[in-house]
């Protein structure tokens, strides 16, 4: 089990590095002799998750000799799950005609792809590039796209299994996602339904597209006891994570989330991709494209590192006892 204190110090270092990129400096005149990278993220610029991704990406680029404002200009843009804002920010990224675009998430890539089929793009945190029609082949994607998927579909069954380990009394599961921003939800629901039969749990989809829908869905589900919550990877659930976590706490619903930032924000636990690792690996593809390789010749890569994070404070508040064997498996334990 990794030390929480050590992990916290590491993240503080990353946060400090990210905080050091002054937004005002981004507005300075760009030296056109520099190579240029556009980045579009579905977060606010002051979101700790956004800062972590920026720090990891820039560290990966520095390790390969690319330093922002020295031989590289990185243009960061931020969006939400609002379609109009996403469309406008994507248009701005494409209009700048960078050498490479980094697209974070399925909705971001979908919009960027509508606006350019020629600018090289590296995607990260995209769940189903084949099913979404982004690439015809993972080994040789062709065209102007390549990148990194964030999950293999079978992991969703693991979410239910892990939740049952922590909360064995759970007999009903609600699976939360926004159908507008998670078109791949059905592929993640299927393994959950298979696992639910194994564990004698009733599973139901809980689609919710906005604040009122999230509150209504959780409240209605919690009327019957012995419920639990699985939150799917989705830019909408990420942006509404504080609300979802608060609703789960209010209704005393054990919940498992796809990324560690949910557990850090007070969620019971998370199991998912090490996002910092993916961002550092994406820097390698940016480097190769800047040096002349075509994105379509670079294989789409699956995750290589997953992390289990458990929030013991939240577990105690829910009256749950986490077995030492599960604690020992965790990469991070929040006391």
C-alpha atoms as a PDB file:
ATOM      1  CA  UNK A   1       0.000   0.000   0.000  1.00  0.00           C
ATOM      2  CA  UNK A   2       1.434   3.316  -1.014  1.00  0.00           C
ATOM      3  CA  UNK A   3       1.852   5.929   1.680  1.00  0.00           C
ATOM      4  CA  UNK A   4      -0.926   8.473   1.649  1.00  0.00           C
ATOM      5  CA  UNK A   5       1.368  11.114   3.116  1.00  0.00           C
ATOM      6  CA  UNK A   6       3.972  10.474   0.449  1.00  0.00           C
ATOM      7  CA  UNK A   7       1.352  10.553  -2.266  1.00  0.00           C
ATOM      8  CA  UNK A   8      -0.006  13.812  -0.881  1.00  0.00           C
ATOM      9  CA  UNK A   9       3.436  15.425  -0.955  1.00  0.00           C
ATOM     10  CA  UNK A  10       3.923  14.240  -4.527  1.00  0.00           C
ATOM     11  CA  UNK A  11       0.620  15.715  -5.589  1.00  0.00           C
ATOM     12  CA  UNK A  12       1.384  18.949  -3.799  1.00  0.00           C
ATOM     13  CA  UNK A  13       4.549  19.150  -5.877  1.00  0.00           C
ATOM     14  CA  UNK A  14       2.565  18.583  -9.045  1.00  0.00           C
ATOM     15  CA  UNK A  15      -0.011  21.132  -7.968  1.00  0.00           C
ATOM     16  CA  UNK A  16       2.712  23.666  -7.343  1.00  0.00           C
ATOM     17  CA  UNK A  17       4.183  23.001 -10.766  1.00  0.00           C
ATOM     18  CA  UNK A  18       0.798  23.433 -12.378  1.00  0.00           C
ATOM     19  CA  UNK A  19       0.135  26.594 -10.424  1.00  0.00           C
ATOM     20  CA  UNK A  20       3.357  28.007 -11.789  1.00  0.00           C
ATOM     21  CA  UNK A  21       2.038  28.216 -15.344  1.00  0.00           C
ATOM     22  CA  UNK A  22       0.672  31.776 -15.246  1.00  0.00           C
ATOM     23  CA  UNK A  23      -2.389  32.147 -17.401  1.00  0.00           C
ATOM     24  CA  UNK A  24      -1.291  35.634 -18.337  1.00  0.00           C
ATOM     25  CA  UNK A  25       1.853  34.211 -19.877  1.00  0.00           C
ATOM     26  CA  UNK A  26      -0.295  32.134 -22.207  1.00  0.00           C
ATOM     27  CA  UNK A  27      -1.571  35.330 -23.766  1.00  0.00           C
ATOM     28  CA  UNK A  28       1.866  36.590 -24.721  1.00  0.00           C
ATOM     29  CA  UNK A  29       2.871  36.757 -28.370  1.00  0.00           C
ATOM     30  CA  UNK A  30       3.666  33.314 -29.703  1.00  0.00           C
ATOM     31  CA  UNK A  31       7.045  32.748 -31.320  1.00  0.00           C
ATOM     32  CA  UNK A  32       6.041  31.140 -34.609  1.00  0.00           C
ATOM     33  CA  UNK A  33       9.346  29.235 -34.740  1.00  0.00           C
ATOM     34  CA  UNK A  34       8.115  27.168 -31.805  1.00  0.00           C
ATOM     35  CA  UNK A  35       6.159  23.999 -32.320  1.00  0.00           C
ATOM     36  CA  UNK A  36       2.591  24.377 -31.101  1.00  0.00           C
ATOM     37  CA  UNK A  37       0.277  22.043 -29.200  1.00  0.00           C
ATOM     38  CA  UNK A  38      -3.394  22.686 -28.498  1.00  0.00           C
ATOM     39  CA  UNK A  39      -5.020  21.041 -25.471  1.00  0.00           C
ATOM     40  CA  UNK A  40      -8.768  20.941 -24.788  1.00  0.00           C
ATOM     41  CA  UNK A  41      -9.886  19.699 -21.372  1.00  0.00           C
ATOM     42  CA  UNK A  42     -13.396  19.218 -19.942  1.00  0.00           C
ATOM     43  CA  UNK A  43     -12.538  20.953 -16.675  1.00  0.00           C
ATOM     44  CA  UNK A  44     -12.282  24.439 -15.265  1.00  0.00           C
ATOM     45  CA  UNK A  45      -8.651  25.655 -15.311  1.00  0.00           C
ATOM     46  CA  UNK A  46      -8.546  25.840 -11.505  1.00  0.00           C
ATOM     47  CA  UNK A  47      -9.871  22.300 -11.013  1.00  0.00           C
ATOM     48  CA  UNK A  48      -7.209  20.243  -9.158  1.00  0.00           C
ATOM     49  CA  UNK A  49      -7.691  17.430 -11.665  1.00  0.00           C
ATOM     50  CA  UNK A  50      -6.942  19.796 -14.540  1.00  0.00           C
ATOM     51  CA  UNK A  51      -3.805  21.038 -12.789  1.00  0.00           C
ATOM     52  CA  UNK A  52      -2.637  17.477 -12.223  1.00  0.00           C
ATOM     53  CA  UNK A  53      -3.116  16.588 -15.894  1.00  0.00           C
ATOM     54  CA  UNK A  54      -1.241  19.691 -17.014  1.00  0.00           C
ATOM     55  CA  UNK A  55       1.639  18.947 -14.649  1.00  0.00           C
ATOM     56  CA  UNK A  56       1.889  15.322 -15.789  1.00  0.00           C
ATOM     57  CA  UNK A  57       1.733  16.241 -19.485  1.00  0.00           C
ATOM     58  CA  UNK A  58       4.338  18.977 -19.181  1.00  0.00           C
ATOM     59  CA  UNK A  59       6.645  16.732 -17.148  1.00  0.00           C
ATOM     60  CA  UNK A  60       6.383  14.072 -19.835  1.00  0.00           C
ATOM     61  CA  UNK A  61       7.197  16.627 -22.504  1.00  0.00           C
ATOM     62  CA  UNK A  62      10.147  18.018 -20.518  1.00  0.00           C
ATOM     63  CA  UNK A  63      11.548  14.510 -20.177  1.00  0.00           C
ATOM     64  CA  UNK A  64      11.589  14.391 -23.992  1.00  0.00           C
ATOM     65  CA  UNK A  65      13.182  17.809 -24.414  1.00  0.00           C
ATOM     66  CA  UNK A  66      10.049  19.899 -25.021  1.00  0.00           C
ATOM     67  CA  UNK A  67       9.679  22.883 -22.696  1.00  0.00           C
ATOM     68  CA  UNK A  68       6.703  25.207 -22.831  1.00  0.00           C
ATOM     69  CA  UNK A  69       7.641  28.771 -23.799  1.00  0.00           C
ATOM     70  CA  UNK A  70      11.130  27.627 -24.840  1.00  0.00           C
ATOM     71  CA  UNK A  71      10.761  25.366 -27.879  1.00  0.00           C
ATOM     72  CA  UNK A  72       7.060  24.627 -27.544  1.00  0.00           C
ATOM     73  CA  UNK A  73       3.915  26.670 -27.085  1.00  0.00           C
ATOM     74  CA  UNK A  74       0.990  24.892 -25.388  1.00  0.00           C
ATOM     75  CA  UNK A  75      -2.406  26.507 -25.767  1.00  0.00           C
ATOM     76  CA  UNK A  76      -4.777  25.224 -23.071  1.00  0.00           C
ATOM     77  CA  UNK A  77      -8.520  25.605 -23.444  1.00  0.00           C
ATOM     78  CA  UNK A  78     -11.244  24.527 -21.060  1.00  0.00           C
ATOM     79  CA  UNK A  79     -14.830  23.478 -21.505  1.00  0.00           C
ATOM     80  CA  UNK A  80     -17.830  21.943 -19.720  1.00  0.00           C
ATOM     81  CA  UNK A  81     -20.587  19.527 -20.695  1.00  0.00           C
ATOM     82  CA  UNK A  82     -22.431  22.442 -22.310  1.00  0.00           C
ATOM     83  CA  UNK A  83     -22.518  21.656 -26.063  1.00  0.00           C
ATOM     84  CA  UNK A  84     -22.340  25.294 -27.182  1.00  0.00           C
ATOM     85  CA  UNK A  85     -19.278  26.060 -25.100  1.00  0.00           C
ATOM     86  CA  UNK A  86     -17.608  22.831 -26.194  1.00  0.00           C
ATOM     87  CA  UNK A  87     -18.265  23.690 -29.834  1.00  0.00           C
ATOM     88  CA  UNK A  88     -16.803  27.164 -29.444  1.00  0.00           C
ATOM     89  CA  UNK A  89     -13.669  26.047 -27.613  1.00  0.00           C
ATOM     90  CA  UNK A  90     -13.056  23.251 -30.099  1.00  0.00           C
ATOM     91  CA  UNK A  91     -13.394  25.728 -32.955  1.00  0.00           C
ATOM     92  CA  UNK A  92     -10.820  27.987 -31.314  1.00  0.00           C
ATOM     93  CA  UNK A  93      -8.346  25.118 -30.925  1.00  0.00           C
ATOM     94  CA  UNK A  94      -8.726  24.098 -34.570  1.00  0.00           C
ATOM     95  CA  UNK A  95      -8.557  27.700 -35.836  1.00  0.00           C
ATOM     96  CA  UNK A  96      -5.117  28.088 -34.230  1.00  0.00           C
ATOM     97  CA  UNK A  97      -3.883  25.208 -36.449  1.00  0.00           C
ATOM     98  CA  UNK A  98      -1.417  23.700 -33.941  1.00  0.00           C
ATOM     99  CA  UNK A  99       1.020  20.971 -34.902  1.00  0.00           C
ATOM    100  CA  UNK A 100      -0.747  18.522 -32.559  1.00  0.00           C
ATOM    101  CA  UNK A 101      -4.019  18.635 -30.613  1.00  0.00           C
ATOM    102  CA  UNK A 102      -4.526  16.719 -27.359  1.00  0.00           C
ATOM    103  CA  UNK A 103      -8.190  15.849 -26.856  1.00  0.00           C
ATOM    104  CA  UNK A 104      -9.307  14.917 -23.342  1.00  0.00           C
ATOM    105  CA  UNK A 105     -12.494  12.777 -23.213  1.00  0.00           C
ATOM    106  CA  UNK A 106     -15.003  11.358 -25.682  1.00  0.00           C
ATOM    107  CA  UNK A 107     -17.173  14.495 -26.125  1.00  0.00           C
ATOM    108  CA  UNK A 108     -14.102  16.674 -26.677  1.00  0.00           C
ATOM    109  CA  UNK A 109     -12.688  14.329 -29.314  1.00  0.00           C
ATOM    110  CA  UNK A 110     -16.073  13.998 -30.989  1.00  0.00           C
ATOM    111  CA  UNK A 111     -16.374  17.763 -31.417  1.00  0.00           C
ATOM    112  CA  UNK A 112     -12.772  18.269 -32.523  1.00  0.00           C
ATOM    113  CA  UNK A 113     -13.150  15.490 -35.069  1.00  0.00           C
ATOM    114  CA  UNK A 114     -16.173  17.224 -36.553  1.00  0.00           C
ATOM    115  CA  UNK A 115     -14.095  20.358 -37.061  1.00  0.00           C
ATOM    116  CA  UNK A 116     -10.915  18.841 -38.481  1.00  0.00           C
ATOM    117  CA  UNK A 117     -10.033  15.565 -40.159  1.00  0.00           C
ATOM    118  CA  UNK A 118      -6.484  16.655 -40.997  1.00  0.00           C
ATOM    119  CA  UNK A 119      -4.862  18.177 -37.888  1.00  0.00           C
ATOM    120  CA  UNK A 120      -2.954  15.496 -35.934  1.00  0.00           C
ATOM    121  CA  UNK A 121      -4.725  14.593 -32.682  1.00  0.00           C
ATOM    122  CA  UNK A 122      -3.765  12.516 -29.668  1.00  0.00           C
ATOM    123  CA  UNK A 123      -6.710  11.582 -27.488  1.00  0.00           C
ATOM    124  CA  UNK A 124      -6.718  10.557 -23.831  1.00  0.00           C
ATOM    125  CA  UNK A 125      -9.507   9.350 -21.539  1.00  0.00           C
ATOM    126  CA  UNK A 126     -11.612   8.066 -24.425  1.00  0.00           C
ATOM    127  CA  UNK A 127     -13.595   4.956 -23.496  1.00  0.00           C
ATOM    128  CA  UNK A 128     -14.588   3.379 -26.823  1.00  0.00           C
ATOM    129  CA  UNK A 129     -12.744   4.797 -29.841  1.00  0.00           C
ATOM    130  CA  UNK A 130     -13.843   1.873 -32.010  1.00  0.00           C
ATOM    131  CA  UNK A 131     -17.508   1.880 -31.019  1.00  0.00           C
ATOM    132  CA  UNK A 132     -17.643   5.664 -31.258  1.00  0.00           C
ATOM    133  CA  UNK A 133     -16.318   5.507 -34.807  1.00  0.00           C
ATOM    134  CA  UNK A 134     -13.186   7.544 -34.103  1.00  0.00           C
ATOM    135  CA  UNK A 135     -10.810   4.914 -35.486  1.00  0.00           C
ATOM    136  CA  UNK A 136     -11.409   1.822 -37.636  1.00  0.00           C
ATOM    137  CA  UNK A 137      -8.612  -0.176 -36.060  1.00  0.00           C
ATOM    138  CA  UNK A 138      -6.740   0.064 -32.748  1.00  0.00           C
ATOM    139  CA  UNK A 139      -3.467  -1.353 -34.009  1.00  0.00           C
ATOM    140  CA  UNK A 140      -3.303   0.963 -37.007  1.00  0.00           C
ATOM    141  CA  UNK A 141      -5.914   3.700 -36.588  1.00  0.00           C
ATOM    142  CA  UNK A 142      -5.146   5.552 -39.824  1.00  0.00           C
ATOM    143  CA  UNK A 143      -6.243   9.116 -40.483  1.00  0.00           C
ATOM    144  CA  UNK A 144      -5.279  11.938 -38.139  1.00  0.00           C
ATOM    145  CA  UNK A 145      -6.072  10.268 -34.783  1.00  0.00           C
ATOM    146  CA  UNK A 146      -4.404   8.073 -32.220  1.00  0.00           C
ATOM    147  CA  UNK A 147      -4.305   7.977 -28.463  1.00  0.00           C
ATOM    148  CA  UNK A 148      -5.114   6.193 -25.236  1.00  0.00           C
ATOM    149  CA  UNK A 149      -8.274   4.514 -24.043  1.00  0.00           C
ATOM    150  CA  UNK A 150      -9.190   4.883 -20.378  1.00  0.00           C
ATOM    151  CA  UNK A 151     -10.934   1.597 -19.571  1.00  0.00           C
ATOM    152  CA  UNK A 152     -11.513  -1.932 -20.732  1.00  0.00           C
ATOM    153  CA  UNK A 153     -15.204  -2.710 -20.470  1.00  0.00           C
ATOM    154  CA  UNK A 154     -14.750  -5.673 -18.134  1.00  0.00           C
ATOM    155  CA  UNK A 155     -13.624  -3.307 -15.388  1.00  0.00           C
ATOM    156  CA  UNK A 156     -17.229  -2.320 -14.667  1.00  0.00           C
ATOM    157  CA  UNK A 157     -17.922  -5.814 -13.331  1.00  0.00           C
ATOM    158  CA  UNK A 158     -14.916  -5.332 -11.062  1.00  0.00           C
ATOM    159  CA  UNK A 159     -16.523  -2.147  -9.707  1.00  0.00           C
ATOM    160  CA  UNK A 160     -19.538  -4.118  -8.506  1.00  0.00           C
ATOM    161  CA  UNK A 161     -17.388  -6.889  -7.063  1.00  0.00           C
ATOM    162  CA  UNK A 162     -15.274  -4.387  -5.113  1.00  0.00           C
ATOM    163  CA  UNK A 163     -18.322  -2.512  -3.852  1.00  0.00           C
ATOM    164  CA  UNK A 164     -19.782  -5.773  -2.550  1.00  0.00           C
ATOM    165  CA  UNK A 165     -16.514  -6.488  -0.730  1.00  0.00           C
ATOM    166  CA  UNK A 166     -16.806  -3.189   1.098  1.00  0.00           C
ATOM    167  CA  UNK A 167     -20.583  -3.163   1.550  1.00  0.00           C
ATOM    168  CA  UNK A 168     -21.848  -6.791   1.506  1.00  0.00           C
ATOM    169  CA  UNK A 169     -25.375  -5.694   2.510  1.00  0.00           C
ATOM    170  CA  UNK A 170     -25.878  -3.979  -0.862  1.00  0.00           C
ATOM    171  CA  UNK A 171     -28.670  -5.688  -2.808  1.00  0.00           C
ATOM    172  CA  UNK A 172     -29.494  -2.969  -5.331  1.00  0.00           C
ATOM    173  CA  UNK A 173     -27.176  -0.970  -7.580  1.00  0.00           C
ATOM    174  CA  UNK A 174     -27.857   2.246  -9.482  1.00  0.00           C
ATOM    175  CA  UNK A 175     -25.411   3.027 -12.297  1.00  0.00           C
ATOM    176  CA  UNK A 176     -25.147   6.774 -12.870  1.00  0.00           C
ATOM    177  CA  UNK A 177     -24.105   8.478 -16.111  1.00  0.00           C
ATOM    178  CA  UNK A 178     -25.166  11.195 -18.515  1.00  0.00           C
ATOM    179  CA  UNK A 179     -26.376   9.568 -21.748  1.00  0.00           C
ATOM    180  CA  UNK A 180     -25.530  12.732 -23.691  1.00  0.00           C
ATOM    181  CA  UNK A 181     -21.843  12.582 -22.782  1.00  0.00           C
ATOM    182  CA  UNK A 182     -21.376   8.824 -22.243  1.00  0.00           C
ATOM    183  CA  UNK A 183     -22.550   7.163 -25.480  1.00  0.00           C
ATOM    184  CA  UNK A 184     -20.525   4.085 -24.475  1.00  0.00           C
ATOM    185  CA  UNK A 185     -22.543   3.519 -21.279  1.00  0.00           C
ATOM    186  CA  UNK A 186     -24.286   0.391 -22.565  1.00  0.00           C
ATOM    187  CA  UNK A 187     -20.930  -1.360 -23.063  1.00  0.00           C
ATOM    188  CA  UNK A 188     -20.083  -0.700 -19.394  1.00  0.00           C
ATOM    189  CA  UNK A 189     -23.558  -1.628 -18.171  1.00  0.00           C
ATOM    190  CA  UNK A 190     -23.407  -5.128 -19.648  1.00  0.00           C
ATOM    191  CA  UNK A 191     -20.549  -6.457 -17.432  1.00  0.00           C
ATOM    192  CA  UNK A 192     -22.268  -4.890 -14.402  1.00  0.00           C
ATOM    193  CA  UNK A 193     -25.463  -6.786 -15.221  1.00  0.00           C
ATOM    194  CA  UNK A 194     -23.511 -10.046 -15.546  1.00  0.00           C
ATOM    195  CA  UNK A 195     -21.766  -9.457 -12.209  1.00  0.00           C
ATOM    196  CA  UNK A 196     -25.070  -8.470 -10.604  1.00  0.00           C
ATOM    197  CA  UNK A 197     -26.513 -11.896 -11.365  1.00  0.00           C
ATOM    198  CA  UNK A 198     -23.464 -13.530  -9.809  1.00  0.00           C
ATOM    199  CA  UNK A 199     -23.816 -11.513  -6.604  1.00  0.00           C
ATOM    200  CA  UNK A 200     -27.641 -11.628  -6.500  1.00  0.00           C
ATOM    201  CA  UNK A 201     -27.838  -7.861  -6.881  1.00  0.00           C
ATOM    202  CA  UNK A 202     -30.494  -5.963  -8.819  1.00  0.00           C
ATOM    203  CA  UNK A 203     -28.818  -3.458 -11.171  1.00  0.00           C
ATOM    204  CA  UNK A 204     -30.515  -0.504 -12.798  1.00  0.00           C
ATOM    205  CA  UNK A 205     -29.376   2.351 -15.009  1.00  0.00           C
ATOM    206  CA  UNK A 206     -29.698   5.830 -13.517  1.00  0.00           C
ATOM    207  CA  UNK A 207     -29.229   8.290 -16.410  1.00  0.00           C
ATOM    208  CA  UNK A 208     -29.015  11.889 -15.228  1.00  0.00           C
ATOM    209  CA  UNK A 209     -28.037  14.849 -17.383  1.00  0.00           C
ATOM    210  CA  UNK A 210     -28.045  17.767 -14.933  1.00  0.00           C
ATOM    211  CA  UNK A 211     -28.154  18.817 -11.285  1.00  0.00           C
ATOM    212  CA  UNK A 212     -31.882  18.356 -10.775  1.00  0.00           C
ATOM    213  CA  UNK A 213     -31.851  14.971 -12.513  1.00  0.00           C
ATOM    214  CA  UNK A 214     -28.944  13.767 -10.370  1.00  0.00           C
ATOM    215  CA  UNK A 215     -30.694  14.813  -7.160  1.00  0.00           C
ATOM    216  CA  UNK A 216     -33.987  13.251  -8.251  1.00  0.00           C
ATOM    217  CA  UNK A 217     -32.377   9.985  -9.354  1.00  0.00           C
ATOM    218  CA  UNK A 218     -30.421   9.467  -6.139  1.00  0.00           C
ATOM    219  CA  UNK A 219     -33.350  10.453  -3.918  1.00  0.00           C
ATOM    220  CA  UNK A 220     -35.755   8.106  -5.699  1.00  0.00           C
ATOM    221  CA  UNK A 221     -33.293   5.215  -5.635  1.00  0.00           C
ATOM    222  CA  UNK A 222     -32.499   5.690  -1.931  1.00  0.00           C
ATOM    223  CA  UNK A 223     -36.142   5.255  -0.868  1.00  0.00           C
ATOM    224  CA  UNK A 224     -35.561   1.494  -0.800  1.00  0.00           C
ATOM    225  CA  UNK A 225     -32.822   0.229   1.556  1.00  0.00           C
ATOM    226  CA  UNK A 226     -29.630  -1.702   0.829  1.00  0.00           C
ATOM    227  CA  UNK A 227     -28.717   0.359  -2.208  1.00  0.00           C
ATOM    228  CA  UNK A 228     -25.331   1.222  -3.659  1.00  0.00           C
ATOM    229  CA  UNK A 229     -24.062   3.445  -6.440  1.00  0.00           C
ATOM    230  CA  UNK A 230     -21.668   2.950  -9.347  1.00  0.00           C
ATOM    231  CA  UNK A 231     -20.646   6.135 -11.184  1.00  0.00           C
ATOM    232  CA  UNK A 232     -19.437   5.686 -14.746  1.00  0.00           C
ATOM    233  CA  UNK A 233     -16.514   7.599 -16.308  1.00  0.00           C
ATOM    234  CA  UNK A 234     -18.147  10.594 -17.946  1.00  0.00           C
ATOM    235  CA  UNK A 235     -17.277  14.300 -18.219  1.00  0.00           C
ATOM    236  CA  UNK A 236     -20.678  15.143 -16.745  1.00  0.00           C
ATOM    237  CA  UNK A 237     -20.275  12.989 -13.639  1.00  0.00           C
ATOM    238  CA  UNK A 238     -16.755  14.397 -13.266  1.00  0.00           C
ATOM    239  CA  UNK A 239     -17.993  17.982 -13.349  1.00  0.00           C
ATOM    240  CA  UNK A 240     -20.833  17.178 -10.936  1.00  0.00           C
ATOM    241  CA  UNK A 241     -18.709  15.005  -8.666  1.00  0.00           C
ATOM    242  CA  UNK A 242     -19.168  17.131  -5.530  1.00  0.00           C
ATOM    243  CA  UNK A 243     -22.937  16.940  -5.901  1.00  0.00           C
ATOM    244  CA  UNK A 244     -22.947  13.182  -6.516  1.00  0.00           C
ATOM    245  CA  UNK A 245     -20.661  12.553  -3.545  1.00  0.00           C
ATOM    246  CA  UNK A 246     -22.824  14.764  -1.331  1.00  0.00           C
ATOM    247  CA  UNK A 247     -25.996  12.985  -2.424  1.00  0.00           C
ATOM    248  CA  UNK A 248     -24.429   9.576  -1.747  1.00  0.00           C
ATOM    249  CA  UNK A 249     -23.414  10.742   1.745  1.00  0.00           C
ATOM    250  CA  UNK A 250     -26.811  12.286   2.460  1.00  0.00           C
ATOM    251  CA  UNK A 251     -28.633   9.079   1.566  1.00  0.00           C
ATOM    252  CA  UNK A 252     -25.927   6.824   3.054  1.00  0.00           C
ATOM    253  CA  UNK A 253     -25.264   5.026  -0.212  1.00  0.00           C
ATOM    254  CA  UNK A 254     -21.949   3.175  -0.557  1.00  0.00           C
ATOM    255  CA  UNK A 255     -20.513   4.214  -3.917  1.00  0.00           C
ATOM    256  CA  UNK A 256     -17.583   3.373  -6.171  1.00  0.00           C
ATOM    257  CA  UNK A 257     -16.182   5.828  -8.695  1.00  0.00           C
ATOM    258  CA  UNK A 258     -13.930   5.527 -11.767  1.00  0.00           C
ATOM    259  CA  UNK A 259     -11.151   7.974 -10.798  1.00  0.00           C
ATOM    260  CA  UNK A 260      -9.182   8.807  -7.663  1.00  0.00           C
ATOM    261  CA  UNK A 261     -10.268  12.450  -7.651  1.00  0.00           C
ATOM    262  CA  UNK A 262     -13.738  11.254  -6.594  1.00  0.00           C
ATOM    263  CA  UNK A 263     -12.280   9.521  -3.526  1.00  0.00           C
ATOM    264  CA  UNK A 264     -10.072  12.524  -2.760  1.00  0.00           C
ATOM    265  CA  UNK A 265     -13.205  14.702  -2.903  1.00  0.00           C
ATOM    266  CA  UNK A 266     -14.937  12.517  -0.302  1.00  0.00           C
ATOM    267  CA  UNK A 267     -16.234   9.535  -2.264  1.00  0.00           C
ATOM    268  CA  UNK A 268     -16.025   6.124  -0.619  1.00  0.00           C
ATOM    269  CA  UNK A 269     -13.577   4.597  -3.089  1.00  0.00           C
ATOM    270  CA  UNK A 270     -12.417   4.567  -6.665  1.00  0.00           C
ATOM    271  CA  UNK A 271     -10.885   2.051  -9.004  1.00  0.00           C
ATOM    272  CA  UNK A 272      -9.633   3.210 -12.354  1.00  0.00           C
ATOM    273  CA  UNK A 273      -6.884   4.377 -14.631  1.00  0.00           C
ATOM    274  CA  UNK A 274      -3.859   6.232 -13.312  1.00  0.00           C
ATOM    275  CA  UNK A 275      -4.621   9.412 -15.273  1.00  0.00           C
ATOM    276  CA  UNK A 276      -1.265  11.053 -14.559  1.00  0.00           C
ATOM    277  CA  UNK A 277       0.486   8.060 -16.110  1.00  0.00           C
ATOM    278  CA  UNK A 278      -1.685   8.332 -19.235  1.00  0.00           C
ATOM    279  CA  UNK A 279      -0.935  12.049 -19.611  1.00  0.00           C
ATOM    280  CA  UNK A 280       2.791  11.390 -19.362  1.00  0.00           C
ATOM    281  CA  UNK A 281       2.499   8.617 -21.960  1.00  0.00           C
ATOM    282  CA  UNK A 282       0.544  10.947 -24.258  1.00  0.00           C
ATOM    283  CA  UNK A 283       3.572  13.244 -24.257  1.00  0.00           C
ATOM    284  CA  UNK A 284       5.484  10.443 -25.978  1.00  0.00           C
ATOM    285  CA  UNK A 285       3.020  10.412 -28.865  1.00  0.00           C
ATOM    286  CA  UNK A 286       3.165  14.202 -29.131  1.00  0.00           C
ATOM    287  CA  UNK A 287       6.954  13.961 -29.346  1.00  0.00           C
ATOM    288  CA  UNK A 288       6.811  11.337 -32.095  1.00  0.00           C
ATOM    289  CA  UNK A 289       4.299  13.328 -34.159  1.00  0.00           C
ATOM    290  CA  UNK A 290       6.317  16.537 -33.792  1.00  0.00           C
ATOM    291  CA  UNK A 291       9.306  14.586 -35.096  1.00  0.00           C
ATOM    292  CA  UNK A 292       7.440  13.511 -38.211  1.00  0.00           C
ATOM    293  CA  UNK A 293       5.506  10.324 -37.482  1.00  0.00           C
ATOM    294  CA  UNK A 294       1.879  10.120 -38.565  1.00  0.00           C
ATOM    295  CA  UNK A 295      -0.753   9.623 -35.845  1.00  0.00           C
ATOM    296  CA  UNK A 296      -2.529   7.024 -37.967  1.00  0.00           C
ATOM    297  CA  UNK A 297       0.583   4.816 -37.804  1.00  0.00           C
ATOM    298  CA  UNK A 298       0.704   4.854 -33.993  1.00  0.00           C
ATOM    299  CA  UNK A 299      -1.436   2.195 -32.267  1.00  0.00           C
ATOM    300  CA  UNK A 300      -4.166   3.178 -29.843  1.00  0.00           C
ATOM    301  CA  UNK A 301      -2.982   2.060 -26.418  1.00  0.00           C
ATOM    302  CA  UNK A 302      -4.937   0.585 -23.511  1.00  0.00           C
ATOM    303  CA  UNK A 303      -4.329   1.520 -19.862  1.00  0.00           C
ATOM    304  CA  UNK A 304      -1.362  -0.126 -18.165  1.00  0.00           C
ATOM    305  CA  UNK A 305      -1.838   1.140 -14.592  1.00  0.00           C
ATOM    306  CA  UNK A 306      -4.959   1.028 -12.431  1.00  0.00           C
ATOM    307  CA  UNK A 307      -5.278   2.325  -8.903  1.00  0.00           C
ATOM    308  CA  UNK A 308      -7.620   1.481  -6.029  1.00  0.00           C
ATOM    309  CA  UNK A 309      -8.196   4.377  -3.629  1.00  0.00           C
ATOM    310  CA  UNK A 310     -10.182   3.996  -0.402  1.00  0.00           C
ATOM    311  CA  UNK A 311     -11.456   6.852   1.755  1.00  0.00           C
ATOM    312  CA  UNK A 312     -11.553   5.420   5.287  1.00  0.00           C
ATOM    313  CA  UNK A 313     -13.116   8.578   6.693  1.00  0.00           C
ATOM    314  CA  UNK A 314     -16.108   8.140   4.398  1.00  0.00           C
ATOM    315  CA  UNK A 315     -16.262   4.422   5.192  1.00  0.00           C
ATOM    316  CA  UNK A 316     -16.478   5.183   8.904  1.00  0.00           C
ATOM    317  CA  UNK A 317     -19.215   7.758   8.301  1.00  0.00           C
ATOM    318  CA  UNK A 318     -21.222   5.059   6.494  1.00  0.00           C
ATOM    319  CA  UNK A 319     -20.587   2.523   9.244  1.00  0.00           C
ATOM    320  CA  UNK A 320     -18.522   0.295   6.960  1.00  0.00           C
ATOM    321  CA  UNK A 321     -15.519  -1.705   8.069  1.00  0.00           C
ATOM    322  CA  UNK A 322     -12.874  -2.141   5.366  1.00  0.00           C
ATOM    323  CA  UNK A 323     -11.116  -5.487   5.596  1.00  0.00           C
ATOM    324  CA  UNK A 324      -7.329  -5.300   6.017  1.00  0.00           C
ATOM    325  CA  UNK A 325      -6.851  -7.427   2.886  1.00  0.00           C
ATOM    326  CA  UNK A 326      -8.647  -4.809   0.782  1.00  0.00           C
ATOM    327  CA  UNK A 327      -6.713  -1.982   2.424  1.00  0.00           C
ATOM    328  CA  UNK A 328      -3.500  -3.821   1.561  1.00  0.00           C
ATOM    329  CA  UNK A 329      -4.514  -3.916  -2.102  1.00  0.00           C
ATOM    330  CA  UNK A 330      -5.097  -0.170  -2.284  1.00  0.00           C
ATOM    331  CA  UNK A 331      -2.560   2.153  -3.889  1.00  0.00           C
ATOM    332  CA  UNK A 332      -3.813   4.950  -1.661  1.00  0.00           C
ATOM    333  CA  UNK A 333      -5.759   5.095   1.604  1.00  0.00           C
ATOM    334  CA  UNK A 334      -7.232   8.378   2.747  1.00  0.00           C
ATOM    335  CA  UNK A 335      -7.500   8.474   6.541  1.00  0.00           C
END
